[in-house]
Amino acid sequence: MNNLRQVRKIVYHLKRRIGHPIKILKISSIDQDLQTGDITHSDRVIEIRRAIVVTAKEIRDFSYDLSYIAANKNFTYGGFFDQSKRVIIIDGRDLPTDYTPNLNDRCIYNNTRWEFKSISPTAENVGWLLQVQQLKSQPVENTFEQVVQDKVIVQEDKPWLQ
């Protein structure tokens, strides 16, 4: 029991020091129009006020053409691309009880899209350790928060007394 309290205390202090707001996007449904081929999907947005976000690691990677891999020829085509990887730690208390992270989910941090590459529970199942990756060319999805601020006026009618 002492270890669990110590891990929770460490996660709490890290959230206070390097915690940043993120939004997790979980695909709830996908619909395709058979005539036009347009795919629309609706996302469930889970807002986390403070997630532990570790500094990104910038990587320049090279990807070979398929002919180099298949035929092992000397001259092939390929290309360089930049990518960023980082680690995000999410406290289990900040997530809804009906949600568990999935590799199909993604998150938005600092107006950039990050895809989940690996997911593992933290020590004592206190939270989740997410390794996320961002490609520079991927568009950021627009998320809109819907808030109802209209007042509902309730009048008490007593039709049962008449």
Protein backbone atom coordinates (compact mmCIF):
# COMPACT_ATOMS: atom_id res chain seq x y z
CA MET A 1 0.00 0.00 0.00
CA ASN A 2 2.91 2.33 0.65
CA ASN A 3 4.19 1.89 -2.93
CA LEU A 4 0.82 2.83 -4.37
CA ARG A 5 0.72 6.03 -2.33
CA GLN A 6 4.28 6.88 -3.37
CA VAL A 7 3.52 6.38 -7.08
CA ARG A 8 0.36 8.50 -6.82
CA LYS A 9 2.35 11.22 -5.06
CA ILE A 10 5.01 11.24 -7.80
CA VAL A 11 2.38 11.40 -10.56
CA TYR A 12 0.64 14.26 -8.73
CA HIS A 13 3.88 16.28 -8.40
CA LEU A 14 4.79 15.70 -12.04
CA LYS A 15 1.31 16.83 -13.11
CA ARG A 16 1.80 20.05 -11.16
CA ARG A 17 5.27 20.73 -12.58
CA ILE A 18 5.07 19.68 -16.23
CA GLY A 19 1.35 19.11 -16.70
CA HIS A 20 -0.27 20.43 -19.86
CA PRO A 21 -3.83 20.21 -21.18
CA ILE A 22 -4.46 17.65 -23.92
CA LYS A 23 -7.49 16.34 -25.77
CA ILE A 24 -7.88 12.67 -26.57
CA LEU A 25 -9.94 11.89 -29.67
CA LYS A 26 -11.62 8.50 -29.74
CA ILE A 27 -13.51 7.48 -32.89
CA SER A 28 -17.05 6.67 -31.86
CA SER A 29 -18.59 5.96 -35.29
CA ILE A 30 -17.61 5.94 -38.97
CA ASP A 31 -20.13 6.43 -41.78
CA GLN A 32 -19.49 6.25 -45.52
CA ASP A 33 -21.71 7.65 -48.23
CA LEU A 34 -21.95 4.92 -50.87
CA GLN A 35 -22.67 7.32 -53.72
CA THR A 36 -19.94 9.89 -53.15
CA GLY A 37 -17.48 7.84 -51.12
CA ASP A 38 -17.17 10.52 -48.43
CA ILE A 39 -16.21 9.15 -45.05
CA THR A 40 -17.41 10.99 -41.98
CA HIS A 41 -16.53 9.99 -38.49
CA SER A 42 -17.64 11.33 -35.17
CA ASP A 43 -15.17 11.56 -32.34
CA ARG A 44 -15.56 11.50 -28.63
CA VAL A 45 -13.39 14.22 -27.11
CA ILE A 46 -11.91 13.55 -23.68
CA GLU A 47 -10.30 16.61 -22.15
CA ILE A 48 -7.50 16.17 -19.67
CA ARG A 49 -6.55 19.28 -17.75
CA ARG A 50 -3.06 18.15 -16.79
CA ALA A 51 -1.16 15.34 -18.46
CA ILE A 52 2.56 14.80 -17.96
CA VAL A 53 4.11 15.69 -21.32
CA VAL A 54 7.81 14.93 -21.77
CA THR A 55 9.96 16.95 -24.18
CA ALA A 56 9.79 15.78 -27.78
CA LYS A 57 12.61 13.93 -29.50
CA GLU A 58 13.10 15.13 -33.08
CA ILE A 59 14.14 12.44 -35.55
CA ARG A 60 15.04 12.64 -39.25
CA ASP A 61 14.30 9.27 -40.77
CA PHE A 62 14.93 7.81 -44.22
CA SER A 63 12.57 5.41 -45.91
CA TYR A 64 13.77 3.22 -48.80
CA ASP A 65 11.84 2.43 -51.94
CA LEU A 66 10.25 -0.99 -52.09
CA SER A 67 12.60 -2.10 -54.88
CA TYR A 68 15.61 -1.77 -52.55
CA ILE A 69 13.99 -4.05 -50.02
CA ALA A 70 12.66 -6.55 -52.55
CA ALA A 71 15.56 -6.82 -55.02
CA ASN A 72 18.48 -5.38 -52.97
CA LYS A 73 19.59 -3.16 -55.87
CA ASN A 74 22.30 -0.55 -55.45
CA PHE A 75 20.47 2.49 -56.85
CA THR A 76 17.00 3.09 -55.49
CA TYR A 77 14.78 5.93 -54.50
CA GLY A 78 13.81 6.97 -51.03
CA GLY A 79 13.16 10.03 -48.99
CA PHE A 80 13.87 11.78 -45.72
CA PHE A 81 11.09 12.91 -43.42
CA ASP A 82 11.01 14.53 -40.02
CA GLN A 83 9.07 13.14 -37.12
CA SER A 84 8.74 13.84 -33.43
CA LYS A 85 8.24 11.34 -30.64
CA ARG A 86 7.36 12.00 -27.04
CA VAL A 87 6.01 10.33 -23.93
CA ILE A 88 2.75 11.34 -22.24
CA ILE A 89 1.73 10.04 -18.82
CA ILE A 90 -1.96 10.25 -17.96
CA ASP A 91 -3.28 9.81 -14.44
CA GLY A 92 -6.01 7.19 -14.30
CA ARG A 93 -8.17 9.50 -12.17
CA ASP A 94 -8.35 12.01 -15.02
CA LEU A 95 -9.90 9.51 -17.45
CA PRO A 96 -13.55 8.46 -17.51
CA THR A 97 -14.21 5.04 -16.03
CA ASP A 98 -15.57 3.66 -19.33
CA TYR A 99 -12.46 4.61 -21.35
CA THR A 100 -9.25 2.67 -21.87
CA PRO A 101 -6.64 4.00 -24.33
CA ASN A 102 -6.49 2.29 -27.71
CA LEU A 103 -3.93 2.45 -30.54
CA ASN A 104 -6.63 3.83 -32.85
CA ASP A 105 -7.03 6.90 -30.64
CA ARG A 106 -5.07 10.10 -31.04
CA CYS A 107 -4.48 13.22 -29.01
CA ILE A 108 -4.07 16.92 -29.65
CA TYR A 109 -1.38 18.73 -27.73
CA ASN A 110 -0.26 22.28 -28.46
CA ASN A 111 -2.38 22.37 -31.66
CA THR A 112 -0.58 19.37 -33.15
CA ARG A 113 -1.86 15.85 -33.74
CA TRP A 114 -0.14 12.95 -32.01
CA GLU A 115 -0.89 9.31 -32.76
CA PHE A 116 -0.58 6.60 -30.12
CA LYS A 117 2.28 4.22 -30.94
CA SER A 118 2.44 2.18 -27.75
CA ILE A 119 0.35 2.06 -24.60
CA SER A 120 1.31 0.54 -21.28
CA PRO A 121 -0.10 0.88 -17.78
CA THR A 122 2.09 2.59 -15.19
CA ALA A 123 3.28 0.99 -11.98
CA GLU A 124 0.46 -0.20 -9.73
CA ASN A 125 -2.01 0.67 -12.58
CA VAL A 126 -2.14 4.29 -11.44
CA GLY A 127 -2.23 5.66 -14.98
CA TRP A 128 -1.16 5.14 -18.58
CA LEU A 129 2.19 5.62 -20.28
CA LEU A 130 1.65 6.63 -23.91
CA GLN A 131 4.36 6.84 -26.54
CA VAL A 132 3.07 9.16 -29.23
CA GLN A 133 4.38 10.20 -32.64
CA GLN A 134 3.73 13.24 -34.79
CA LEU A 135 4.41 13.57 -38.49
CA LYS A 136 4.90 17.12 -39.69
CA SER A 137 2.60 16.78 -42.71
CA GLN A 138 -0.50 15.51 -40.90
CA PRO A 139 -3.35 18.01 -40.54
CA VAL A 140 -4.76 18.91 -37.16
CA GLU A 141 -8.38 18.02 -36.76
CA ASN A 142 -10.70 20.77 -35.71
CA THR A 143 -12.41 20.01 -32.45
CA PHE A 144 -15.37 22.05 -31.39
CA GLU A 145 -16.66 22.17 -27.87
CA GLN A 146 -20.38 22.48 -27.59
CA VAL A 147 -21.57 24.30 -24.51
CA VAL A 148 -25.18 25.12 -23.79
CA GLN A 149 -25.49 28.38 -21.90
CA ASP A 150 -29.20 29.09 -22.36
CA LYS A 151 -31.31 29.16 -19.25
CA VAL A 152 -34.24 26.83 -19.09
CA ILE A 153 -37.21 28.35 -17.31
CA VAL A 154 -39.32 25.80 -15.53
CA GLN A 155 -42.82 26.74 -14.51
CA GLU A 156 -44.68 24.66 -12.06
CA ASP A 157 -48.08 23.66 -13.35
CA LYS A 158 -50.28 21.49 -11.25
CA PRO A 159 -52.75 19.90 -13.67
CA TRP A 160 -53.34 17.04 -11.30
CA LEU A 161 -54.92 19.38 -8.72
CA GLN A 162 -57.62 20.67 -11.05
